[in-house]
Amino acid sequence: MNPKKAIKELRRVLKRNGKLVVSSCTINKNAVERIEQGLGIGDHFSISEHLQEWSYDELKKEIEKKGFEFIGSRGVVFNLGKGVFYLQRINKKLGLFIHKLSLSIKRFPRNSEFIVLSFKKKQNIL
């Protein structure tokens, strides 16, 4: 399956004024992970199941190019960095607090590990 062709096909079959909601994983593509990789402290995960990995901006741009208008987005799991992982292992209460914090930060989808984007089908201009 070609993801770009799939987006085009979704637009074709979507009813007039229809909406498209896309959920995607942004592993290796969010801001914290790019900084950590640049500093040599991050791990790059190879995920063989993904035909394509997009960052938030790449996915948004690709869908807009295929005839959709962006409505909104939110992050699902916020990445607070690898250092937080070690803090969570040291103290369970701190770990639970950090986990709840990461789930509550929804205004920054560019740094979430999973994102949800909403679009509406653009009408053809005659």
N, C-alpha and C. Protein backbone atom coordinates (compact mmCIF):
# COMPACT_ATOMS: atom_id res chain seq x y z
N MET A 1 0.84 -1.18 0.00
CA MET A 1 0.00 0.00 0.00
C MET A 1 0.88 1.24 0.00
N ASN A 2 0.53 2.18 -0.81
CA ASN A 2 1.25 3.45 -0.89
C ASN A 2 0.47 4.49 -0.07
N PRO A 3 1.06 5.02 1.02
CA PRO A 3 0.33 5.97 1.87
C PRO A 3 -0.17 7.21 1.13
N LYS A 4 0.60 7.72 0.18
CA LYS A 4 0.18 8.91 -0.55
C LYS A 4 -1.03 8.61 -1.44
N LYS A 5 -1.03 7.44 -2.07
CA LYS A 5 -2.18 7.04 -2.88
C LYS A 5 -3.40 6.79 -2.00
N ALA A 6 -3.17 6.26 -0.81
CA ALA A 6 -4.28 6.00 0.11
C ALA A 6 -4.96 7.31 0.52
N ILE A 7 -4.18 8.35 0.78
CA ILE A 7 -4.75 9.65 1.15
C ILE A 7 -5.58 10.20 0.00
N LYS A 8 -5.07 10.05 -1.21
CA LYS A 8 -5.79 10.51 -2.40
C LYS A 8 -7.11 9.74 -2.55
N GLU A 9 -7.08 8.45 -2.31
CA GLU A 9 -8.28 7.62 -2.41
C GLU A 9 -9.28 7.97 -1.31
N LEU A 10 -8.81 8.29 -0.12
CA LEU A 10 -9.70 8.70 0.96
C LEU A 10 -10.46 9.97 0.56
N ARG A 11 -9.78 10.88 -0.09
CA ARG A 11 -10.44 12.10 -0.54
C ARG A 11 -11.50 11.79 -1.59
N ARG A 12 -11.18 10.85 -2.49
CA ARG A 12 -12.11 10.51 -3.56
C ARG A 12 -13.41 9.92 -3.01
N VAL A 13 -13.32 9.05 -2.02
CA VAL A 13 -14.50 8.35 -1.52
C VAL A 13 -15.23 9.11 -0.40
N LEU A 14 -14.61 10.14 0.15
CA LEU A 14 -15.24 10.90 1.22
C LEU A 14 -16.38 11.76 0.66
N LYS A 15 -17.51 11.77 1.35
CA LYS A 15 -18.65 12.56 0.92
C LYS A 15 -18.32 14.05 0.97
N ARG A 16 -19.10 14.82 0.23
CA ARG A 16 -18.97 16.28 0.24
C ARG A 16 -19.10 16.77 1.69
N ASN A 17 -18.25 17.68 2.07
CA ASN A 17 -18.15 18.20 3.44
C ASN A 17 -17.76 17.13 4.46
N GLY A 18 -17.25 16.00 3.96
CA GLY A 18 -16.83 14.93 4.85
C GLY A 18 -15.57 15.30 5.62
N LYS A 19 -15.37 14.62 6.72
CA LYS A 19 -14.21 14.87 7.56
C LYS A 19 -13.32 13.63 7.62
N LEU A 20 -12.03 13.88 7.71
CA LEU A 20 -11.04 12.81 7.80
C LEU A 20 -10.29 13.00 9.12
N VAL A 21 -10.23 11.94 9.92
CA VAL A 21 -9.46 11.97 11.16
C VAL A 21 -8.37 10.93 11.03
N VAL A 22 -7.13 11.38 11.22
CA VAL A 22 -5.96 10.52 11.05
C VAL A 22 -5.21 10.43 12.37
N SER A 23 -4.86 9.23 12.76
CA SER A 23 -4.04 9.01 13.94
C SER A 23 -2.73 8.41 13.47
N SER A 24 -1.63 8.93 13.99
CA SER A 24 -0.33 8.45 13.52
C SER A 24 0.69 8.48 14.65
N CYS A 25 1.60 7.58 14.55
CA CYS A 25 2.74 7.51 15.46
C CYS A 25 3.85 8.39 14.89
N THR A 26 4.52 9.14 15.75
CA THR A 26 5.62 10.00 15.29
C THR A 26 6.95 9.60 15.92
N ILE A 27 7.13 8.32 16.19
CA ILE A 27 8.38 7.84 16.76
C ILE A 27 9.53 8.23 15.84
N ASN A 28 10.61 8.70 16.42
CA ASN A 28 11.82 9.16 15.72
C ASN A 28 11.63 10.51 15.05
N LYS A 29 10.47 11.11 15.14
CA LYS A 29 10.21 12.33 14.39
C LYS A 29 9.84 13.52 15.27
N ASN A 30 9.62 13.32 16.59
CA ASN A 30 9.22 14.48 17.39
C ASN A 30 10.45 15.23 17.90
N ALA A 31 10.22 16.43 18.39
CA ALA A 31 11.30 17.37 18.71
C ALA A 31 12.27 16.85 19.75
N VAL A 32 11.77 16.31 20.85
CA VAL A 32 12.67 15.83 21.92
C VAL A 32 13.57 14.72 21.39
N GLU A 33 13.01 13.79 20.64
CA GLU A 33 13.81 12.68 20.13
C GLU A 33 14.87 13.15 19.13
N ARG A 34 14.54 14.15 18.31
CA ARG A 34 15.54 14.68 17.38
C ARG A 34 16.69 15.36 18.14
N ILE A 35 16.37 16.08 19.19
CA ILE A 35 17.42 16.73 20.01
C ILE A 35 18.28 15.68 20.68
N GLU A 36 17.66 14.67 21.28
CA GLU A 36 18.42 13.62 21.95
C GLU A 36 19.31 12.87 20.97
N GLN A 37 18.80 12.59 19.78
CA GLN A 37 19.62 11.91 18.77
C GLN A 37 20.79 12.78 18.36
N GLY A 38 20.55 14.09 18.22
CA GLY A 38 21.63 15.02 17.86
C GLY A 38 22.72 15.08 18.91
N LEU A 39 22.32 14.93 20.18
CA LEU A 39 23.29 14.93 21.28
C LEU A 39 23.91 13.56 21.52
N GLY A 40 23.42 12.57 20.79
CA GLY A 40 23.96 11.21 20.93
C GLY A 40 23.42 10.47 22.14
N ILE A 41 22.30 10.92 22.71
CA ILE A 41 21.76 10.24 23.88
C ILE A 41 20.43 9.54 23.58
N GLY A 42 19.93 9.72 22.38
CA GLY A 42 18.65 9.12 22.03
C GLY A 42 18.82 7.83 21.24
N ASP A 43 17.79 7.02 21.29
CA ASP A 43 17.77 5.78 20.51
C ASP A 43 16.85 5.97 19.32
N HIS A 44 17.27 5.51 18.17
CA HIS A 44 16.43 5.54 16.98
C HIS A 44 15.79 4.18 16.84
N PHE A 45 14.48 4.13 16.90
CA PHE A 45 13.76 2.86 16.79
C PHE A 45 13.44 2.58 15.34
N SER A 46 13.80 1.42 14.89
CA SER A 46 13.44 0.99 13.55
C SER A 46 12.12 0.25 13.65
N ILE A 47 11.12 0.75 12.98
CA ILE A 47 9.80 0.15 13.09
C ILE A 47 9.42 -0.38 11.71
N SER A 48 9.54 -1.66 11.54
CA SER A 48 9.37 -2.27 10.23
C SER A 48 7.92 -2.27 9.75
N GLU A 49 6.96 -2.15 10.68
CA GLU A 49 5.56 -2.19 10.28
C GLU A 49 5.13 -0.91 9.57
N HIS A 50 5.87 0.17 9.74
CA HIS A 50 5.48 1.44 9.14
C HIS A 50 6.01 1.55 7.71
N LEU A 51 5.10 1.81 6.79
CA LEU A 51 5.51 2.03 5.41
C LEU A 51 6.21 3.37 5.27
N GLN A 52 5.78 4.31 6.09
CA GLN A 52 6.35 5.65 6.06
C GLN A 52 6.24 6.24 7.45
N GLU A 53 7.28 6.93 7.90
CA GLU A 53 7.22 7.66 9.15
C GLU A 53 7.22 9.13 8.82
N TRP A 54 6.22 9.85 9.37
CA TRP A 54 6.10 11.28 9.14
C TRP A 54 6.18 12.01 10.46
N SER A 55 6.72 13.20 10.42
CA SER A 55 6.61 14.10 11.56
C SER A 55 5.22 14.71 11.51
N TYR A 56 4.86 15.43 12.54
CA TYR A 56 3.57 16.13 12.57
C TYR A 56 3.42 17.02 11.34
N ASP A 57 4.44 17.86 11.10
CA ASP A 57 4.37 18.82 9.99
C ASP A 57 4.34 18.12 8.63
N GLU A 58 5.12 17.05 8.49
CA GLU A 58 5.15 16.32 7.22
C GLU A 58 3.79 15.70 6.90
N LEU A 59 3.17 15.08 7.91
CA LEU A 59 1.87 14.44 7.70
C LEU A 59 0.80 15.48 7.38
N LYS A 60 0.79 16.56 8.13
CA LYS A 60 -0.19 17.63 7.90
C LYS A 60 -0.05 18.19 6.48
N LYS A 61 1.16 18.45 6.07
CA LYS A 61 1.42 19.01 4.73
C LYS A 61 1.01 18.03 3.63
N GLU A 62 1.33 16.75 3.81
CA GLU A 62 1.01 15.74 2.80
C GLU A 62 -0.51 15.62 2.61
N ILE A 63 -1.25 15.64 3.70
CA ILE A 63 -2.71 15.51 3.59
C ILE A 63 -3.31 16.77 2.98
N GLU A 64 -2.79 17.93 3.34
CA GLU A 64 -3.28 19.18 2.75
C GLU A 64 -3.01 19.22 1.24
N LYS A 65 -1.88 18.68 0.81
CA LYS A 65 -1.56 18.65 -0.63
C LYS A 65 -2.55 17.80 -1.41
N LYS A 66 -3.19 16.85 -0.75
CA LYS A 66 -4.11 15.95 -1.42
C LYS A 66 -5.55 16.47 -1.40
N GLY A 67 -5.76 17.75 -1.03
CA GLY A 67 -7.09 18.34 -1.14
C GLY A 67 -7.89 18.39 0.14
N PHE A 68 -7.22 18.42 1.27
CA PHE A 68 -7.91 18.53 2.55
C PHE A 68 -7.53 19.83 3.24
N GLU A 69 -8.48 20.35 4.01
CA GLU A 69 -8.25 21.56 4.80
C GLU A 69 -8.10 21.16 6.27
N PHE A 70 -7.04 21.62 6.90
CA PHE A 70 -6.74 21.29 8.29
C PHE A 70 -7.78 21.91 9.22
N ILE A 71 -8.29 21.11 10.15
CA ILE A 71 -9.25 21.60 11.14
C ILE A 71 -8.56 21.77 12.50
N GLY A 72 -7.87 20.73 12.94
CA GLY A 72 -7.24 20.79 14.26
C GLY A 72 -6.45 19.53 14.55
N SER A 73 -5.77 19.55 15.69
CA SER A 73 -4.98 18.38 16.08
C SER A 73 -4.77 18.37 17.58
N ARG A 74 -4.33 17.23 18.04
CA ARG A 74 -3.92 17.14 19.44
C ARG A 74 -2.94 16.00 19.59
N GLY A 75 -2.09 16.16 20.57
CA GLY A 75 -1.15 15.10 20.89
C GLY A 75 -1.83 14.09 21.78
N VAL A 76 -1.40 12.86 21.71
CA VAL A 76 -1.99 11.82 22.53
C VAL A 76 -1.04 11.43 23.65
N VAL A 77 0.21 11.22 23.35
CA VAL A 77 1.22 10.89 24.36
C VAL A 77 2.37 11.86 24.15
N PHE A 78 2.64 12.68 25.15
CA PHE A 78 3.67 13.70 25.04
C PHE A 78 5.01 13.12 25.45
N ASN A 79 6.05 13.42 24.70
CA ASN A 79 7.39 12.92 24.98
C ASN A 79 8.13 13.93 25.85
N LEU A 80 8.45 13.55 27.07
CA LEU A 80 9.17 14.42 27.98
C LEU A 80 10.66 14.11 28.02
N GLY A 81 11.12 13.22 27.20
CA GLY A 81 12.55 12.93 27.11
C GLY A 81 12.98 11.68 27.86
N LYS A 82 14.16 11.19 27.52
CA LYS A 82 14.69 9.95 28.10
C LYS A 82 15.02 10.09 29.58
N GLY A 83 15.47 11.28 29.99
CA GLY A 83 15.81 11.48 31.41
C GLY A 83 14.62 11.23 32.31
N VAL A 84 13.43 11.57 31.84
CA VAL A 84 12.22 11.37 32.62
C VAL A 84 11.98 9.88 32.83
N PHE A 85 12.32 9.06 31.83
CA PHE A 85 12.16 7.61 31.95
C PHE A 85 12.91 7.09 33.17
N TYR A 86 14.13 7.57 33.38
CA TYR A 86 14.92 7.12 34.52
C TYR A 86 14.35 7.62 35.84
N LEU A 87 13.82 8.84 35.85
CA LEU A 87 13.18 9.37 37.06
C LEU A 87 11.95 8.54 37.43
N GLN A 88 11.20 8.10 36.41
CA GLN A 88 10.02 7.30 36.65
C GLN A 88 10.39 5.95 37.29
N ARG A 89 11.52 5.41 36.92
CA ARG A 89 11.95 4.12 37.47
C ARG A 89 12.43 4.24 38.91
N ILE A 90 12.92 5.42 39.27
CA ILE A 90 13.45 5.63 40.62
C ILE A 90 12.32 5.76 41.63
N ASN A 91 11.27 6.47 41.27
CA ASN A 91 10.20 6.76 42.21
C ASN A 91 8.85 6.54 41.54
N LYS A 92 8.05 5.60 42.07
CA LYS A 92 6.77 5.26 41.44
C LYS A 92 5.78 6.42 41.47
N LYS A 93 5.73 7.18 42.57
CA LYS A 93 4.79 8.31 42.64
C LYS A 93 5.18 9.38 41.64
N LEU A 94 6.47 9.65 41.53
CA LEU A 94 6.95 10.62 40.55
C LEU A 94 6.64 10.11 39.14
N GLY A 95 6.83 8.82 38.93
CA GLY A 95 6.54 8.22 37.63
C GLY A 95 5.09 8.37 37.24
N LEU A 96 4.18 8.14 38.20
CA LEU A 96 2.76 8.28 37.94
C LEU A 96 2.40 9.73 37.63
N PHE A 97 2.97 10.67 38.39
CA PHE A 97 2.75 12.09 38.15
C PHE A 97 3.20 12.47 36.74
N ILE A 98 4.39 12.03 36.36
CA ILE A 98 4.94 12.37 35.04
C ILE A 98 4.08 11.76 33.94
N HIS A 99 3.62 10.54 34.16
CA HIS A 99 2.76 9.89 33.17
C HIS A 99 1.47 10.68 32.98
N LYS A 100 0.84 11.08 34.09
CA LYS A 100 -0.39 11.87 34.00
C LYS A 100 -0.13 13.21 33.32
N LEU A 101 1.02 13.81 33.64
CA LEU A 101 1.39 15.08 33.01
C LEU A 101 1.54 14.90 31.51
N SER A 102 2.21 13.83 31.10
CA SER A 102 2.43 13.61 29.67
C SER A 102 1.12 13.39 28.93
N LEU A 103 0.14 12.77 29.58
CA LEU A 103 -1.16 12.56 28.95
C LEU A 103 -2.01 13.83 28.93
N SER A 104 -1.74 14.75 29.84
CA SER A 104 -2.56 15.96 29.92
C SER A 104 -2.10 17.06 28.97
N ILE A 105 -0.88 16.96 28.46
CA ILE A 105 -0.37 18.00 27.57
C ILE A 105 -0.83 17.68 26.16
N LYS A 106 -1.87 18.35 25.72
CA LYS A 106 -2.45 18.05 24.42
C LYS A 106 -2.29 19.21 23.45
N ARG A 107 -1.73 20.30 23.89
CA ARG A 107 -1.63 21.49 23.05
C ARG A 107 -0.37 21.49 22.18
N PHE A 108 0.47 20.50 22.33
CA PHE A 108 1.74 20.49 21.61
C PHE A 108 1.89 19.22 20.79
N PRO A 109 1.06 19.03 19.76
CA PRO A 109 1.12 17.77 19.01
C PRO A 109 2.45 17.55 18.30
N ARG A 110 3.21 18.62 18.05
CA ARG A 110 4.49 18.43 17.36
C ARG A 110 5.48 17.61 18.19
N ASN A 111 5.27 17.53 19.48
CA ASN A 111 6.19 16.75 20.30
C ASN A 111 5.53 15.52 20.91
N SER A 112 4.36 15.17 20.43
CA SER A 112 3.70 13.97 20.93
C SER A 112 4.20 12.75 20.17
N GLU A 113 4.19 11.63 20.83
CA GLU A 113 4.60 10.38 20.17
C GLU A 113 3.48 9.81 19.32
N PHE A 114 2.25 10.18 19.62
CA PHE A 114 1.10 9.81 18.81
C PHE A 114 0.27 11.06 18.61
N ILE A 115 -0.21 11.27 17.40
CA ILE A 115 -0.98 12.48 17.10
C ILE A 115 -2.30 12.12 16.43
N VAL A 116 -3.27 13.00 16.56
CA VAL A 116 -4.54 12.88 15.88
C VAL A 116 -4.77 14.20 15.16
N LEU A 117 -4.98 14.13 13.85
CA LEU A 117 -5.22 15.33 13.04
C LEU A 117 -6.59 15.21 12.38
N SER A 118 -7.29 16.34 12.31
CA SER A 118 -8.61 16.38 11.68
C SER A 118 -8.56 17.29 10.47
N PHE A 119 -9.23 16.84 9.40
CA PHE A 119 -9.29 17.59 8.15
C PHE A 119 -10.70 17.56 7.62
N LYS A 120 -11.03 18.52 6.76
CA LYS A 120 -12.26 18.43 6.00
C LYS A 120 -11.91 18.49 4.53
N LYS A 121 -12.74 17.86 3.75
CA LYS A 121 -12.53 17.78 2.31
C LYS A 121 -12.74 19.16 1.70
N LYS A 122 -11.75 19.65 0.97
CA LYS A 122 -11.90 20.92 0.26
C LYS A 122 -12.84 20.72 -0.92
N GLN A 123 -13.66 21.71 -1.15
CA GLN A 123 -14.56 21.65 -2.30
C GLN A 123 -13.79 22.05 -3.55
N ASN A 124 -14.10 21.40 -4.65
CA ASN A 124 -13.47 21.75 -5.92
C ASN A 124 -13.84 23.16 -6.33
N ILE A 125 -12.84 23.91 -6.72
CA ILE A 125 -13.08 25.27 -7.17
C ILE A 125 -13.25 25.25 -8.67
N LEU A 126 -14.36 25.77 -9.15
CA LEU A 126 -14.63 25.76 -10.60
C LEU A 126 -14.16 27.02 -11.25
